[in-house]
Amino acid sequence: MAEFTLELNDDQKQVRDWLHGFAADVIRPAASEWDEREETPWPIIQEAAKVGIYSLDFYAQQFFDPTGLGIPMAMEELFWGDAGIALSIVGTGLAAVGVLANGTEEQIGTWIPQMYGDADDVKLAAFCSSEPDAGSDVASMRTRAVYDRAKDEWVLNGTKTWATNGGIANVHVVVAVVDPGLGSKGHASFIVPPNTPGLSQGQKFKKHGIRASHTAEVVLEDVRVPGHCLLGGKEKLDQRLARARERAASGGERVKNAAMATFEASRPSVGAMAVGTARAAYEVALDYAKTRTQFGRPIIDNQGVAFQLADMRTQIDAARLLVWRASWMAATGKPFTSAEGSMSKLYASETAKKVTAQAVQILGGNGFTREYPVERMHRDAAIYTIFEGTSEIQRLVIARTLSGMQIR
């Protein structure tokens, strides 16, 4: 078992510096353009694939880092470059995590490579869970999956929303209801292979931030997928549903649903994204405060500015430590007995919103213009307290875990 340490090893430092260089030289110079265009930055994704960042091998290496720090380190550096472009590069990873969390070894080996493609033929994947009437309230999900035993196929109908890469992805991972009587425990995840009839893109959203990342509805109309596209397989699903029914009847322990297994695994990574955005805004504000003069001296000479910067850096470092702790615990098999994954996502995302707002304030009027990047960073930071579990939901998860009560 890897020992906990706050010191990155030489290999990790090398990867961090390589990613930072890509973020500084390729992502950041293109950030403003793709934010304005509100389009998927294919040239940047292709460049990431060419150098090996957008690839199954790279993410596998980081995912299986025994310290657990590979993924959060990578997320922080890429999102330091730009949140919208970085999300376009890493968005496929959420679907991949969905397969890793719920799929068999054969499904993992079959589908995850198809989510990335290669440098000459880049592919994307999308994880589809939220619905127009079921965001935080996953029990209200309406997308249905009905098993056609005669053909060994599942038939999917419904509408998903807020799907990163939705409709333009090569592979879609869709969470659907298989047993409505079990609420959120009656959900399962399905692979929808490329070019499957009945799947289409609905509305593409014009967003406040992360504009370079494609977000859209996914419409499923009598979408038929083979039985082997049920993640985990039907035997495992039937066993899980039977246990859920027994526990529901006896008032026993809760059973995690398919979407929650994915989000639980990815929350520290989202926290790392938020840390990257916060750090970027802090660095811009620090440099500005050192060079901007008012009343004959740099504005950092004023305690009102200097103390803000001190608080910003302290909060960023604290957020990173929470993310690293949760990531290390997950990698070493230590249970989240106090909802440490949710803690990391909650604190880091709230820190990103606060730090980017302070950065805008320190830059004053300049911070309010698109001539300086903190305006964009502030818009981007708003998403961290919303997607993959709002801050309110994180607090609910933490409170329920600490108390053992079903707080509502």
Foldseek 3Di string as FASTA:
>chain_A
DDDDDPDDDPVLVVVLVVLLVCLVPPQQVCALVLLVVLAAPVVSLLVCQVVPNLAPVQVVVQPQPLQLCSLLSNLLSNLLSPLLNSCSSCVQVLVLLLLVLFADPVCNVPPPRVQAPGSVDGFHEKEFQADPVPDVQSLPFDWAWEADVVQQKTWTFDKTFFIFCAFVGQKYKYKHAHDNVLRLLRIFIFIQHGPFPQKHWDDWDCALASSNITTTMIGGDRGIDHQNRTGNGDVVSVVSVVVSVVCVVVVHDDDHHSLVSSLLVCLLSLLSSLLSLLVSLLVLLVVQQQPDDDPHHRNCVDCVSVVLSVVLVVLSVVLVVLSSVSSSCVSNVHDPLQLSSLVSLLSSLVSSLVSLVSSLVSVPPVSCDPVDCSVNSNSHSVCSCPPSAHSVRSVQVNVCSVPVDNDD
